[in-house]
Amino acid sequence: MSILSGKDGEILYDPTGAGGASLVALVSMNKWKASFKTDKINVTCFGDLNKVYVPGMKDISGTLSGFYNKADKTLFEAADAITPGVLKLVPHTSENTDFWSGPAYLDADIDTSVEGAPAVSGNFMAAGSWTMAP
C-alpha cells in the first residue's frame, strides 16, 4: 500500500492547450479536488421491481485553491481565456506518473480579509476528453 501526504501535490496548466512540455505549475496553490461523476439515466420500465439506471456521460469538474501571488496571474488569465487550456492534476510529485489531465475551462475568485493572506480559488470544467494515468 502506498499512501502519501498531499503536501507534494501539484496543479499544472498550459494556456495554449498543447500540454506536454508546455505545462507549468500554478504557484502558491495548496488544494485541488476533482469530481468524475457519471450521469445515470433512468430506464425503469413497467413491471420492474425497482428503478433501473444505465450510465450516461461523465461530468469532469472540480476546484482548486491557494494564495494570491502577484508574480503569477495564470489562474486569472485562464479565467479570461476564450479557449480551453490543458490542466494536469498530480496527487503527489514523487509519483508523478499518477495524474489526471485534459482540456479545461477555469474560473477564478479572490478573497481578501484583514485577518489573513489573500486567497484564490477557482473551478474547472472539462472542455474535452480527459485521461487518467497510468
N, C-alpha and C. Protein backbone atom coordinates (compact mmCIF):
# COMPACT_ATOMS: atom_id res chain seq x y z
N MET A 1 0.85 -1.17 0.00
CA MET A 1 0.00 0.00 0.00
C MET A 1 0.89 1.23 0.00
N SER A 2 0.58 2.16 -0.87
CA SER A 2 1.39 3.37 -0.99
C SER A 2 0.51 4.60 -0.79
N ILE A 3 0.43 5.05 0.45
CA ILE A 3 -0.34 6.25 0.76
C ILE A 3 0.66 7.34 1.12
N LEU A 4 0.53 8.48 0.44
CA LEU A 4 1.46 9.58 0.64
C LEU A 4 0.70 10.84 1.04
N SER A 5 1.38 11.77 1.65
CA SER A 5 0.80 13.06 2.01
C SER A 5 0.50 13.85 0.74
N GLY A 6 -0.55 14.65 0.79
CA GLY A 6 -0.88 15.52 -0.33
C GLY A 6 -0.02 16.77 -0.39
N LYS A 7 0.92 16.92 0.55
CA LYS A 7 1.72 18.15 0.61
C LYS A 7 2.56 18.36 -0.63
N ASP A 8 2.80 17.30 -1.39
CA ASP A 8 3.59 17.42 -2.61
C ASP A 8 2.74 17.30 -3.87
N GLY A 9 1.47 17.65 -3.75
CA GLY A 9 0.60 17.66 -4.92
C GLY A 9 0.97 18.81 -5.84
N GLU A 10 0.36 18.82 -7.02
CA GLU A 10 0.72 19.85 -7.98
C GLU A 10 -0.44 20.08 -8.95
N ILE A 11 -0.56 21.34 -9.37
CA ILE A 11 -1.52 21.73 -10.40
C ILE A 11 -0.72 22.35 -11.53
N LEU A 12 -0.79 21.75 -12.70
CA LEU A 12 -0.07 22.26 -13.87
C LEU A 12 -1.08 22.75 -14.90
N TYR A 13 -0.69 23.76 -15.68
CA TYR A 13 -1.61 24.35 -16.65
C TYR A 13 -0.84 24.82 -17.88
N ASP A 14 -1.44 24.65 -19.02
CA ASP A 14 -0.89 25.18 -20.28
C ASP A 14 -1.98 25.95 -21.00
N PRO A 15 -1.86 27.28 -21.07
CA PRO A 15 -2.89 28.08 -21.71
C PRO A 15 -3.01 27.84 -23.22
N THR A 16 -1.97 27.30 -23.84
CA THR A 16 -2.01 27.08 -25.29
C THR A 16 -2.86 25.87 -25.66
N GLY A 17 -3.13 25.00 -24.69
CA GLY A 17 -3.90 23.80 -24.96
C GLY A 17 -3.06 22.66 -25.49
N ALA A 18 -1.74 22.86 -25.61
CA ALA A 18 -0.87 21.83 -26.16
C ALA A 18 -0.53 20.75 -25.14
N GLY A 19 -0.37 21.14 -23.86
CA GLY A 19 0.01 20.17 -22.84
C GLY A 19 1.47 19.79 -22.97
N GLY A 20 1.81 18.60 -22.51
CA GLY A 20 3.19 18.13 -22.62
C GLY A 20 4.18 19.02 -21.92
N ALA A 21 5.27 19.36 -22.61
CA ALA A 21 6.35 20.16 -22.03
C ALA A 21 5.93 21.60 -21.77
N SER A 22 4.80 22.03 -22.33
CA SER A 22 4.33 23.41 -22.14
C SER A 22 3.62 23.63 -20.81
N LEU A 23 3.36 22.55 -20.06
CA LEU A 23 2.69 22.67 -18.77
C LEU A 23 3.59 23.33 -17.75
N VAL A 24 3.05 24.30 -17.00
CA VAL A 24 3.80 24.94 -15.92
C VAL A 24 2.95 24.90 -14.65
N ALA A 25 3.62 24.85 -13.50
CA ALA A 25 2.93 24.79 -12.22
C ALA A 25 2.25 26.11 -11.90
N LEU A 26 1.03 26.03 -11.42
CA LEU A 26 0.37 27.22 -10.86
C LEU A 26 1.00 27.42 -9.48
N VAL A 27 1.57 28.58 -9.24
CA VAL A 27 2.28 28.81 -7.98
C VAL A 27 1.32 29.14 -6.85
N SER A 28 1.76 28.89 -5.64
CA SER A 28 1.05 29.22 -4.40
C SER A 28 -0.31 28.53 -4.27
N MET A 29 -0.45 27.38 -4.91
CA MET A 29 -1.68 26.61 -4.77
C MET A 29 -1.47 25.56 -3.68
N ASN A 30 -2.54 25.24 -2.94
CA ASN A 30 -2.38 24.27 -1.86
C ASN A 30 -3.50 23.23 -1.78
N LYS A 31 -4.42 23.25 -2.77
CA LYS A 31 -5.51 22.28 -2.70
C LYS A 31 -6.17 22.15 -4.06
N TRP A 32 -6.50 20.91 -4.42
CA TRP A 32 -7.36 20.69 -5.57
C TRP A 32 -8.28 19.51 -5.29
N LYS A 33 -9.43 19.55 -5.93
CA LYS A 33 -10.41 18.49 -5.78
C LYS A 33 -11.04 18.26 -7.15
N ALA A 34 -11.11 17.01 -7.56
CA ALA A 34 -11.70 16.67 -8.85
C ALA A 34 -12.87 15.73 -8.65
N SER A 35 -13.88 15.89 -9.50
CA SER A 35 -15.06 15.03 -9.47
C SER A 35 -15.21 14.36 -10.83
N PHE A 36 -15.40 13.06 -10.82
CA PHE A 36 -15.54 12.28 -12.04
C PHE A 36 -16.89 11.56 -12.04
N LYS A 37 -17.94 12.29 -11.76
CA LYS A 37 -19.27 11.70 -11.67
C LYS A 37 -19.80 11.36 -13.05
N THR A 38 -20.56 10.28 -13.11
CA THR A 38 -21.21 9.87 -14.35
C THR A 38 -22.71 10.01 -14.20
N ASP A 39 -23.34 10.66 -15.18
CA ASP A 39 -24.80 10.77 -15.17
C ASP A 39 -25.40 9.37 -15.18
N LYS A 40 -26.51 9.22 -14.51
CA LYS A 40 -27.25 7.96 -14.52
C LYS A 40 -28.61 8.24 -15.17
N ILE A 41 -28.94 7.46 -16.21
CA ILE A 41 -30.18 7.65 -16.95
C ILE A 41 -31.20 6.63 -16.46
N ASN A 42 -32.35 7.13 -16.07
CA ASN A 42 -33.42 6.26 -15.58
C ASN A 42 -34.07 5.55 -16.76
N VAL A 43 -33.98 4.22 -16.78
CA VAL A 43 -34.60 3.40 -17.84
C VAL A 43 -35.61 2.41 -17.24
N THR A 44 -36.23 2.83 -16.15
CA THR A 44 -37.21 1.98 -15.47
C THR A 44 -38.41 1.74 -16.38
N CYS A 45 -38.85 0.49 -16.44
CA CYS A 45 -39.97 0.11 -17.30
C CYS A 45 -41.10 -0.49 -16.46
N PHE A 46 -42.28 -0.56 -17.07
CA PHE A 46 -43.40 -1.22 -16.42
C PHE A 46 -42.98 -2.63 -16.01
N GLY A 47 -43.32 -3.04 -14.82
CA GLY A 47 -43.02 -4.39 -14.35
C GLY A 47 -41.70 -4.51 -13.61
N ASP A 48 -40.80 -3.51 -13.72
CA ASP A 48 -39.56 -3.55 -12.95
C ASP A 48 -39.89 -3.47 -11.46
N LEU A 49 -39.14 -4.17 -10.63
CA LEU A 49 -39.39 -4.18 -9.20
C LEU A 49 -38.71 -3.00 -8.49
N ASN A 50 -37.83 -2.30 -9.19
CA ASN A 50 -37.15 -1.13 -8.64
C ASN A 50 -36.72 -0.26 -9.82
N LYS A 51 -36.23 0.92 -9.52
CA LYS A 51 -35.72 1.78 -10.58
C LYS A 51 -34.48 1.14 -11.19
N VAL A 52 -34.30 1.33 -12.48
CA VAL A 52 -33.17 0.78 -13.22
C VAL A 52 -32.47 1.94 -13.93
N TYR A 53 -31.13 1.93 -13.87
CA TYR A 53 -30.35 3.02 -14.46
C TYR A 53 -29.27 2.47 -15.38
N VAL A 54 -28.86 3.26 -16.35
CA VAL A 54 -27.69 2.98 -17.18
C VAL A 54 -26.79 4.21 -17.12
N PRO A 55 -25.47 4.00 -17.26
CA PRO A 55 -24.58 5.16 -17.21
C PRO A 55 -24.69 6.01 -18.46
N GLY A 56 -24.57 7.31 -18.24
CA GLY A 56 -24.58 8.28 -19.33
C GLY A 56 -23.19 8.88 -19.50
N MET A 57 -23.13 10.17 -19.61
CA MET A 57 -21.86 10.88 -19.83
C MET A 57 -21.18 11.19 -18.50
N LYS A 58 -19.86 11.14 -18.53
CA LYS A 58 -19.06 11.53 -17.36
C LYS A 58 -18.99 13.05 -17.32
N ASP A 59 -19.09 13.62 -16.13
CA ASP A 59 -19.00 15.06 -15.92
C ASP A 59 -17.76 15.32 -15.07
N ILE A 60 -16.70 15.81 -15.70
CA ILE A 60 -15.45 16.07 -15.00
C ILE A 60 -15.37 17.55 -14.65
N SER A 61 -15.20 17.81 -13.36
CA SER A 61 -15.11 19.18 -12.89
C SER A 61 -14.43 19.17 -11.53
N GLY A 62 -14.15 20.34 -11.00
CA GLY A 62 -13.54 20.39 -9.68
C GLY A 62 -13.18 21.79 -9.26
N THR A 63 -12.40 21.84 -8.18
CA THR A 63 -11.99 23.11 -7.60
C THR A 63 -10.50 23.09 -7.34
N LEU A 64 -9.93 24.28 -7.25
CA LEU A 64 -8.53 24.43 -6.85
C LEU A 64 -8.42 25.71 -6.04
N SER A 65 -7.42 25.75 -5.16
CA SER A 65 -7.29 26.94 -4.31
C SER A 65 -5.86 27.09 -3.81
N GLY A 66 -5.59 28.27 -3.31
CA GLY A 66 -4.28 28.60 -2.78
C GLY A 66 -4.25 30.05 -2.34
N PHE A 67 -3.10 30.69 -2.52
CA PHE A 67 -2.94 32.07 -2.08
C PHE A 67 -2.54 32.97 -3.24
N TYR A 68 -2.95 34.20 -3.18
CA TYR A 68 -2.63 35.17 -4.22
C TYR A 68 -1.12 35.41 -4.24
N ASN A 69 -0.55 35.33 -5.42
CA ASN A 69 0.87 35.59 -5.62
C ASN A 69 0.96 36.52 -6.83
N LYS A 70 1.35 37.77 -6.60
CA LYS A 70 1.32 38.74 -7.69
C LYS A 70 2.28 38.40 -8.81
N ALA A 71 3.20 37.46 -8.58
CA ALA A 71 4.14 37.04 -9.63
C ALA A 71 3.50 36.06 -10.61
N ASP A 72 2.33 35.52 -10.30
CA ASP A 72 1.69 34.54 -11.18
C ASP A 72 0.20 34.83 -11.29
N LYS A 73 -0.20 35.34 -12.41
CA LYS A 73 -1.61 35.67 -12.66
C LYS A 73 -2.27 34.62 -13.57
N THR A 74 -1.65 33.44 -13.70
CA THR A 74 -2.12 32.42 -14.63
C THR A 74 -3.57 32.04 -14.40
N LEU A 75 -3.98 31.88 -13.16
CA LEU A 75 -5.36 31.49 -12.87
C LEU A 75 -6.35 32.53 -13.41
N PHE A 76 -6.04 33.81 -13.22
CA PHE A 76 -6.94 34.86 -13.68
C PHE A 76 -6.91 35.00 -15.20
N GLU A 77 -5.75 34.78 -15.79
CA GLU A 77 -5.65 34.79 -17.25
C GLU A 77 -6.44 33.62 -17.84
N ALA A 78 -6.39 32.46 -17.19
CA ALA A 78 -7.15 31.30 -17.65
C ALA A 78 -8.65 31.56 -17.57
N ALA A 79 -9.07 32.27 -16.53
CA ALA A 79 -10.50 32.59 -16.38
C ALA A 79 -10.98 33.52 -17.49
N ASP A 80 -10.08 34.33 -18.04
CA ASP A 80 -10.44 35.25 -19.12
C ASP A 80 -10.33 34.62 -20.50
N ALA A 81 -9.71 33.46 -20.60
CA ALA A 81 -9.46 32.83 -21.90
C ALA A 81 -10.75 32.37 -22.56
N ILE A 82 -10.81 32.52 -23.88
CA ILE A 82 -11.99 32.06 -24.62
C ILE A 82 -11.78 30.65 -25.18
N THR A 83 -10.56 30.14 -25.08
CA THR A 83 -10.28 28.77 -25.49
C THR A 83 -9.74 28.01 -24.26
N PRO A 84 -9.98 26.71 -24.19
CA PRO A 84 -9.52 25.95 -23.03
C PRO A 84 -8.01 25.73 -23.05
N GLY A 85 -7.44 25.63 -21.86
CA GLY A 85 -6.06 25.21 -21.71
C GLY A 85 -6.05 23.76 -21.27
N VAL A 86 -4.87 23.22 -21.04
CA VAL A 86 -4.75 21.86 -20.52
C VAL A 86 -4.42 21.94 -19.04
N LEU A 87 -5.16 21.21 -18.24
CA LEU A 87 -4.96 21.15 -16.80
C LEU A 87 -4.45 19.75 -16.45
N LYS A 88 -3.45 19.68 -15.58
CA LYS A 88 -2.92 18.39 -15.12
C LYS A 88 -2.90 18.42 -13.60
N LEU A 89 -3.54 17.45 -12.99
CA LEU A 89 -3.66 17.37 -11.54
C LEU A 89 -2.86 16.18 -11.04
N VAL A 90 -1.86 16.45 -10.20
CA VAL A 90 -0.95 15.42 -9.70
C VAL A 90 -1.13 15.30 -8.18
N PRO A 91 -1.52 14.12 -7.66
CA PRO A 91 -1.70 13.97 -6.21
C PRO A 91 -0.40 14.07 -5.42
N HIS A 92 0.71 13.59 -6.00
CA HIS A 92 1.99 13.61 -5.29
C HIS A 92 3.11 13.59 -6.32
N THR A 93 4.01 14.59 -6.27
CA THR A 93 5.03 14.73 -7.31
C THR A 93 6.08 13.62 -7.30
N SER A 94 6.27 12.93 -6.19
CA SER A 94 7.26 11.85 -6.20
C SER A 94 6.75 10.64 -6.99
N GLU A 95 5.45 10.60 -7.21
CA GLU A 95 4.85 9.55 -8.04
C GLU A 95 4.07 10.22 -9.15
N ASN A 96 4.74 11.12 -9.89
CA ASN A 96 4.03 11.92 -10.88
C ASN A 96 3.64 11.14 -12.13
N THR A 97 3.76 9.82 -12.07
CA THR A 97 3.19 9.01 -13.14
C THR A 97 1.69 8.86 -12.95
N ASP A 98 1.19 9.17 -11.75
CA ASP A 98 -0.24 9.13 -11.46
C ASP A 98 -0.78 10.55 -11.57
N PHE A 99 -1.71 10.76 -12.51
CA PHE A 99 -2.30 12.09 -12.66
C PHE A 99 -3.55 12.01 -13.52
N TRP A 100 -4.31 13.09 -13.53
CA TRP A 100 -5.44 13.26 -14.41
C TRP A 100 -5.18 14.51 -15.22
N SER A 101 -5.52 14.51 -16.50
CA SER A 101 -5.30 15.70 -17.31
C SER A 101 -6.26 15.76 -18.48
N GLY A 102 -6.46 16.99 -18.96
CA GLY A 102 -7.31 17.21 -20.11
C GLY A 102 -7.59 18.68 -20.32
N PRO A 103 -8.25 19.00 -21.41
CA PRO A 103 -8.59 20.40 -21.67
C PRO A 103 -9.65 20.87 -20.68
N ALA A 104 -9.51 22.12 -20.25
CA ALA A 104 -10.43 22.64 -19.23
C ALA A 104 -10.62 24.14 -19.35
N TYR A 105 -11.81 24.56 -18.98
CA TYR A 105 -12.10 25.98 -18.77
C TYR A 105 -11.98 26.23 -17.27
N LEU A 106 -11.46 27.39 -16.89
CA LEU A 106 -11.29 27.73 -15.48
C LEU A 106 -12.01 29.02 -15.12
N ASP A 107 -12.47 29.08 -13.90
CA ASP A 107 -13.00 30.30 -13.29
C ASP A 107 -12.05 30.68 -12.16
N ALA A 108 -12.09 31.92 -11.72
CA ALA A 108 -11.20 32.37 -10.65
C ALA A 108 -11.94 33.28 -9.68
N ASP A 109 -11.58 33.18 -8.41
CA ASP A 109 -12.08 34.04 -7.34
C ASP A 109 -10.90 34.47 -6.49
N ILE A 110 -11.03 35.65 -5.87
CA ILE A 110 -10.05 36.08 -4.88
C ILE A 110 -10.82 36.54 -3.65
N ASP A 111 -10.31 36.19 -2.49
CA ASP A 111 -10.96 36.50 -1.22
C ASP A 111 -9.91 37.13 -0.31
N THR A 112 -10.09 38.40 0.00
CA THR A 112 -9.12 39.12 0.82
C THR A 112 -9.76 39.54 2.13
N SER A 113 -9.04 39.28 3.23
CA SER A 113 -9.54 39.59 4.55
C SER A 113 -8.44 40.25 5.37
N VAL A 114 -8.84 41.10 6.30
CA VAL A 114 -7.88 41.75 7.17
C VAL A 114 -7.18 40.73 8.08
N GLU A 115 -7.78 39.56 8.26
CA GLU A 115 -7.23 38.56 9.17
C GLU A 115 -6.48 37.43 8.47
N GLY A 116 -6.14 37.60 7.19
CA GLY A 116 -5.43 36.52 6.53
C GLY A 116 -4.83 36.96 5.21
N ALA A 117 -4.06 36.06 4.64
CA ALA A 117 -3.48 36.31 3.33
C ALA A 117 -4.57 36.22 2.26
N PRO A 118 -4.49 37.02 1.20
CA PRO A 118 -5.48 36.91 0.13
C PRO A 118 -5.48 35.49 -0.45
N ALA A 119 -6.65 34.91 -0.52
CA ALA A 119 -6.80 33.54 -1.02
C ALA A 119 -7.40 33.56 -2.42
N VAL A 120 -6.95 32.64 -3.25
CA VAL A 120 -7.53 32.48 -4.57
C VAL A 120 -8.15 31.10 -4.68
N SER A 121 -9.16 31.00 -5.50
CA SER A 121 -9.79 29.71 -5.75
C SER A 121 -10.38 29.74 -7.14
N GLY A 122 -10.72 28.59 -7.61
CA GLY A 122 -11.32 28.51 -8.94
C GLY A 122 -12.02 27.19 -9.14
N ASN A 123 -12.81 27.16 -10.18
CA ASN A 123 -13.49 25.95 -10.61
C ASN A 123 -12.97 25.59 -11.98
N PHE A 124 -12.98 24.31 -12.29
CA PHE A 124 -12.65 23.90 -13.65
C PHE A 124 -13.72 22.94 -14.16
N MET A 125 -13.90 22.94 -15.47
CA MET A 125 -14.83 22.05 -16.14
C MET A 125 -14.14 21.48 -17.37
N ALA A 126 -14.35 20.22 -17.64
CA ALA A 126 -13.74 19.58 -18.81
C ALA A 126 -14.23 20.27 -20.09
N ALA A 127 -13.30 20.46 -21.02
CA ALA A 127 -13.63 21.04 -22.32
C ALA A 127 -13.32 20.04 -23.43
N GLY A 128 -13.15 18.80 -23.06
CA GLY A 128 -12.82 17.72 -24.00
C GLY A 128 -12.51 16.47 -23.19
N SER A 129 -11.96 15.48 -23.83
CA SER A 129 -11.67 14.20 -23.18
C SER A 129 -10.50 14.31 -22.21
N TRP A 130 -10.67 13.70 -21.04
CA TRP A 130 -9.62 13.65 -20.02
C TRP A 130 -9.07 12.23 -19.95
N THR A 131 -7.84 12.14 -19.44
CA THR A 131 -7.23 10.84 -19.25
C THR A 131 -6.75 10.71 -17.81
N MET A 132 -6.65 9.46 -17.38
CA MET A 132 -6.07 9.15 -16.08
C MET A 132 -4.84 8.29 -16.35
N ALA A 133 -3.72 8.66 -15.77
CA ALA A 133 -2.50 7.89 -15.99
C ALA A 133 -2.02 7.34 -14.65
N PRO A 134 -1.47 6.18 -14.57
CA PRO A 134 -1.35 5.24 -15.69
C PRO A 134 -2.66 4.57 -15.99
